[in-house]
Amino acid sequence: MREIIFRGKRIDSGEWVYGLFARAKIGSLICPCIQKERESDAGDFVENIEIDGNILSQFTGLRDSKRTAEFPEGQRIFEGDICSFMLEGVKRIECVHFGDGSFVLGSCISLHQSQLDYYREVRKSLLVIGNIHEHRNLLCGD
């Protein structure tokens, strides 16, 4: 089963927060994901964080190819992320968006797990290099 998680920018500090998304009368909220270590923690209260509802992204369920100490399985790829990759020997930079029932890289590469297997070259070189909310200039080649 795919991990469902959202990313949003805090209203008060502009900092990214990750968790479950809810839209309420007071605005858009993220409830931070906290891994429960004990059964007795299940009733702990977690404060919701108000986010800018226009800057919200869902996790695609996939990770990029770069392995680091911070991201040993690769960095999570969210909707709105800008990724670089090699396809047929050409370096490309595309944005991840949701379309036709799945996440798509650019205009034609489906990120659905079964489809991604076909693009082995893409998967081997896929790197998150920014996102459209903070690095839109990357899509223009600047």
C-alpha atoms as a PDB file:
ATOM      1  CA  MET A   1       0.000   0.000   0.000  1.00  0.00           C
ATOM      2  CA  ARG A   2       1.243   3.476  -0.898  1.00  0.00           C
ATOM      3  CA  GLU A   3       2.092   5.926   1.879  1.00  0.00           C
ATOM      4  CA  ILE A   4      -0.352   8.872   1.738  1.00  0.00           C
ATOM      5  CA  ILE A   5       1.342  12.060   2.901  1.00  0.00           C
ATOM      6  CA  PHE A   6       1.101  15.723   1.955  1.00  0.00           C
ATOM      7  CA  ARG A   7       3.513  18.640   2.027  1.00  0.00           C
ATOM      8  CA  GLY A   8       2.495  22.248   2.635  1.00  0.00           C
ATOM      9  CA  LYS A   9       4.017  25.602   3.588  1.00  0.00           C
ATOM     10  CA  ARG A  10       3.260  27.007   7.018  1.00  0.00           C
ATOM     11  CA  ILE A  11       1.363  30.308   7.045  1.00  0.00           C
ATOM     12  CA  ASP A  12       3.413  31.683   9.952  1.00  0.00           C
ATOM     13  CA  SER A  13       6.984  30.810   8.886  1.00  0.00           C
ATOM     14  CA  GLY A  14       6.922  29.570   5.277  1.00  0.00           C
ATOM     15  CA  GLU A  15       8.569  26.339   6.455  1.00  0.00           C
ATOM     16  CA  TRP A  16       7.607  23.038   4.791  1.00  0.00           C
ATOM     17  CA  VAL A  17       5.544  20.641   6.937  1.00  0.00           C
ATOM     18  CA  TYR A  18       4.549  17.057   6.169  1.00  0.00           C
ATOM     19  CA  GLY A  19       1.533  15.052   7.274  1.00  0.00           C
ATOM     20  CA  LEU A  20      -2.148  14.444   6.662  1.00  0.00           C
ATOM     21  CA  PHE A  21      -4.157  17.199   4.949  1.00  0.00           C
ATOM     22  CA  ALA A  22      -7.512  18.638   6.024  1.00  0.00           C
ATOM     23  CA  ARG A  23      -9.519  21.613   4.812  1.00  0.00           C
ATOM     24  CA  ALA A  24     -11.420  23.327   7.635  1.00  0.00           C
ATOM     25  CA  LYS A  25     -13.502  26.478   8.068  1.00  0.00           C
ATOM     26  CA  ILE A  26     -10.422  28.272   9.392  1.00  0.00           C
ATOM     27  CA  GLY A  27      -8.304  27.253   6.364  1.00  0.00           C
ATOM     28  CA  SER A  28      -6.080  24.439   5.158  1.00  0.00           C
ATOM     29  CA  LEU A  29      -4.330  22.326   7.790  1.00  0.00           C
ATOM     30  CA  ILE A  30      -1.603  19.709   8.006  1.00  0.00           C
ATOM     31  CA  CYS A  31      -1.640  17.248  10.898  1.00  0.00           C
ATOM     32  CA  PRO A  32       2.011  16.243  11.311  1.00  0.00           C
ATOM     33  CA  CYS A  33       2.750  12.535  11.015  1.00  0.00           C
ATOM     34  CA  ILE A  34       4.156  11.182  14.232  1.00  0.00           C
ATOM     35  CA  GLN A  35       5.243   7.586  14.363  1.00  0.00           C
ATOM     36  CA  LYS A  36       3.783   6.010  17.481  1.00  0.00           C
ATOM     37  CA  GLU A  37       6.305   3.894  19.347  1.00  0.00           C
ATOM     38  CA  ARG A  38       3.910   2.515  21.964  1.00  0.00           C
ATOM     39  CA  GLU A  39       0.212   1.661  22.119  1.00  0.00           C
ATOM     40  CA  SER A  40      -0.192   4.162  24.984  1.00  0.00           C
ATOM     41  CA  ASP A  41       0.872   7.004  22.649  1.00  0.00           C
ATOM     42  CA  ALA A  42      -2.205   6.494  20.476  1.00  0.00           C
ATOM     43  CA  GLY A  43      -4.245   9.081  22.400  1.00  0.00           C
ATOM     44  CA  ASP A  44      -1.640  11.848  22.303  1.00  0.00           C
ATOM     45  CA  PHE A  45      -2.902  15.150  20.856  1.00  0.00           C
ATOM     46  CA  VAL A  46      -1.051  16.543  17.846  1.00  0.00           C
ATOM     47  CA  GLU A  47      -1.578  20.207  17.024  1.00  0.00           C
ATOM     48  CA  ASN A  48      -2.635  20.931  13.446  1.00  0.00           C
ATOM     49  CA  ILE A  49      -0.543  23.446  11.515  1.00  0.00           C
ATOM     50  CA  GLU A  50      -2.171  26.036   9.260  1.00  0.00           C
ATOM     51  CA  ILE A  51      -0.740  26.004   5.748  1.00  0.00           C
ATOM     52  CA  ASP A  52      -1.165  27.982   2.532  1.00  0.00           C
ATOM     53  CA  GLY A  53      -3.790  25.909   0.680  1.00  0.00           C
ATOM     54  CA  ASN A  54      -2.334  27.041  -2.674  1.00  0.00           C
ATOM     55  CA  ILE A  55       1.022  25.436  -1.861  1.00  0.00           C
ATOM     56  CA  LEU A  56       0.039  21.822  -1.228  1.00  0.00           C
ATOM     57  CA  SER A  57       1.545  18.672  -2.761  1.00  0.00           C
ATOM     58  CA  GLN A  58       0.828  14.960  -2.452  1.00  0.00           C
ATOM     59  CA  PHE A  59       3.582  12.331  -2.199  1.00  0.00           C
ATOM     60  CA  THR A  60       3.692  10.232  -5.398  1.00  0.00           C
ATOM     61  CA  GLY A  61       4.781   7.093  -3.560  1.00  0.00           C
ATOM     62  CA  LEU A  62       8.128   7.144  -5.393  1.00  0.00           C
ATOM     63  CA  ARG A  63      11.616   8.310  -4.433  1.00  0.00           C
ATOM     64  CA  ASP A  64      14.455   9.670  -6.517  1.00  0.00           C
ATOM     65  CA  SER A  65      17.699   7.825  -7.252  1.00  0.00           C
ATOM     66  CA  LYS A  66      20.033   9.798  -4.947  1.00  0.00           C
ATOM     67  CA  ARG A  67      20.907   7.967  -1.713  1.00  0.00           C
ATOM     68  CA  THR A  68      22.250  10.054   1.175  1.00  0.00           C
ATOM     69  CA  ALA A  69      22.494   9.781   4.959  1.00  0.00           C
ATOM     70  CA  GLU A  70      19.379  11.982   5.184  1.00  0.00           C
ATOM     71  CA  PHE A  71      17.497  10.012   2.495  1.00  0.00           C
ATOM     72  CA  PRO A  72      18.841   6.412   2.494  1.00  0.00           C
ATOM     73  CA  GLU A  73      15.949   5.237   0.272  1.00  0.00           C
ATOM     74  CA  GLY A  74      16.026   8.367  -1.904  1.00  0.00           C
ATOM     75  CA  GLN A  75      14.215  11.668  -1.505  1.00  0.00           C
ATOM     76  CA  ARG A  76      10.408  11.549  -1.664  1.00  0.00           C
ATOM     77  CA  ILE A  77       8.954  12.834  -4.930  1.00  0.00           C
ATOM     78  CA  PHE A  78       5.941  15.129  -4.461  1.00  0.00           C
ATOM     79  CA  GLU A  79       3.514  16.632  -6.934  1.00  0.00           C
ATOM     80  CA  GLY A  80       5.049  19.944  -8.029  1.00  0.00           C
ATOM     81  CA  ASP A  81       8.633  18.710  -7.718  1.00  0.00           C
ATOM     82  CA  ILE A  82      11.023  19.525 -10.531  1.00  0.00           C
ATOM     83  CA  CYS A  83      13.145  16.542 -11.523  1.00  0.00           C
ATOM     84  CA  SER A  84      16.106  16.029 -13.807  1.00  0.00           C
ATOM     85  CA  PHE A  85      16.633  12.719 -15.601  1.00  0.00           C
ATOM     86  CA  MET A  86      18.193  11.163 -18.667  1.00  0.00           C
ATOM     87  CA  LEU A  87      15.989   9.838 -21.457  1.00  0.00           C
ATOM     88  CA  GLU A  88      17.503   8.418 -24.642  1.00  0.00           C
ATOM     89  CA  GLY A  89      20.830  10.053 -23.778  1.00  0.00           C
ATOM     90  CA  VAL A  90      19.343  13.543 -23.325  1.00  0.00           C
ATOM     91  CA  LYS A  91      19.131  15.296 -19.952  1.00  0.00           C
ATOM     92  CA  ARG A  92      15.620  16.593 -19.325  1.00  0.00           C
ATOM     93  CA  ILE A  93      14.060  18.720 -16.603  1.00  0.00           C
ATOM     94  CA  GLU A  94      10.327  18.252 -16.005  1.00  0.00           C
ATOM     95  CA  CYS A  95       7.702  18.936 -13.363  1.00  0.00           C
ATOM     96  CA  VAL A  96       5.640  16.223 -11.635  1.00  0.00           C
ATOM     97  CA  HIS A  97       1.893  16.789 -11.834  1.00  0.00           C
ATOM     98  CA  PHE A  98      -1.307  14.777 -11.477  1.00  0.00           C
ATOM     99  CA  GLY A  99      -3.180  13.962 -14.669  1.00  0.00           C
ATOM    100  CA  ASP A 100      -5.396  11.202 -16.053  1.00  0.00           C
ATOM    101  CA  GLY A 101      -5.491   9.355 -12.728  1.00  0.00           C
ATOM    102  CA  SER A 102      -1.753   9.143 -12.100  1.00  0.00           C
ATOM    103  CA  PHE A 103       1.325  11.248 -11.465  1.00  0.00           C
ATOM    104  CA  VAL A 104       3.071  12.317 -14.659  1.00  0.00           C
ATOM    105  CA  LEU A 105       6.574  13.635 -15.307  1.00  0.00           C
ATOM    106  CA  GLY A 106       6.379  16.376 -17.929  1.00  0.00           C
ATOM    107  CA  SER A 107       3.738  15.716 -20.536  1.00  0.00           C
ATOM    108  CA  CYS A 108       4.135  12.017 -21.217  1.00  0.00           C
ATOM    109  CA  ILE A 109       5.999   9.904 -18.646  1.00  0.00           C
ATOM    110  CA  SER A 110       3.644   8.181 -16.209  1.00  0.00           C
ATOM    111  CA  LEU A 111       5.056   7.702 -12.722  1.00  0.00           C
ATOM    112  CA  HIS A 112       2.668   4.841 -11.981  1.00  0.00           C
ATOM    113  CA  GLN A 113       4.885   2.044 -10.667  1.00  0.00           C
ATOM    114  CA  SER A 114       3.987  -0.436 -13.427  1.00  0.00           C
ATOM    115  CA  GLN A 115       4.606   2.185 -16.126  1.00  0.00           C
ATOM    116  CA  LEU A 116       7.852   3.393 -14.543  1.00  0.00           C
ATOM    117  CA  ASP A 117       9.397  -0.065 -14.970  1.00  0.00           C
ATOM    118  CA  TYR A 118       9.373   0.579 -18.727  1.00  0.00           C
ATOM    119  CA  TYR A 119      11.486   3.717 -18.228  1.00  0.00           C
ATOM    120  CA  ARG A 120      14.496   2.125 -16.530  1.00  0.00           C
ATOM    121  CA  GLU A 121      16.768   4.868 -17.843  1.00  0.00           C
ATOM    122  CA  VAL A 122      14.520   7.518 -16.268  1.00  0.00           C
ATOM    123  CA  ARG A 123      14.295   5.729 -12.937  1.00  0.00           C
ATOM    124  CA  LYS A 124      18.079   5.255 -12.664  1.00  0.00           C
ATOM    125  CA  SER A 125      18.802   8.970 -13.115  1.00  0.00           C
ATOM    126  CA  LEU A 126      15.700  10.643 -11.608  1.00  0.00           C
ATOM    127  CA  LEU A 127      16.668  13.422  -9.165  1.00  0.00           C
ATOM    128  CA  VAL A 128      14.535  15.996  -7.348  1.00  0.00           C
ATOM    129  CA  ILE A 129      16.219  19.361  -7.986  1.00  0.00           C
ATOM    130  CA  GLY A 130      13.543  21.737  -6.691  1.00  0.00           C
ATOM    131  CA  ASN A 131       9.825  22.470  -6.791  1.00  0.00           C
ATOM    132  CA  ILE A 132       7.549  24.865  -8.682  1.00  0.00           C
ATOM    133  CA  HIS A 133       6.815  26.917  -5.559  1.00  0.00           C
ATOM    134  CA  GLU A 134      10.433  27.879  -4.893  1.00  0.00           C
ATOM    135  CA  HIS A 135      12.401  27.095  -8.063  1.00  0.00           C
ATOM    136  CA  ARG A 136      10.121  27.766 -11.051  1.00  0.00           C
ATOM    137  CA  ASN A 137      13.146  29.160 -12.926  1.00  0.00           C
ATOM    138  CA  LEU A 138      14.540  25.624 -13.243  1.00  0.00           C
ATOM    139  CA  LEU A 139      11.822  24.821 -15.775  1.00  0.00           C
ATOM    140  CA  CYS A 140      12.917  27.728 -17.979  1.00  0.00           C
ATOM    141  CA  GLY A 141      16.490  26.492 -18.136  1.00  0.00           C
ATOM    142  CA  ASP A 142      17.799  29.498 -16.142  1.00  0.00           C
END
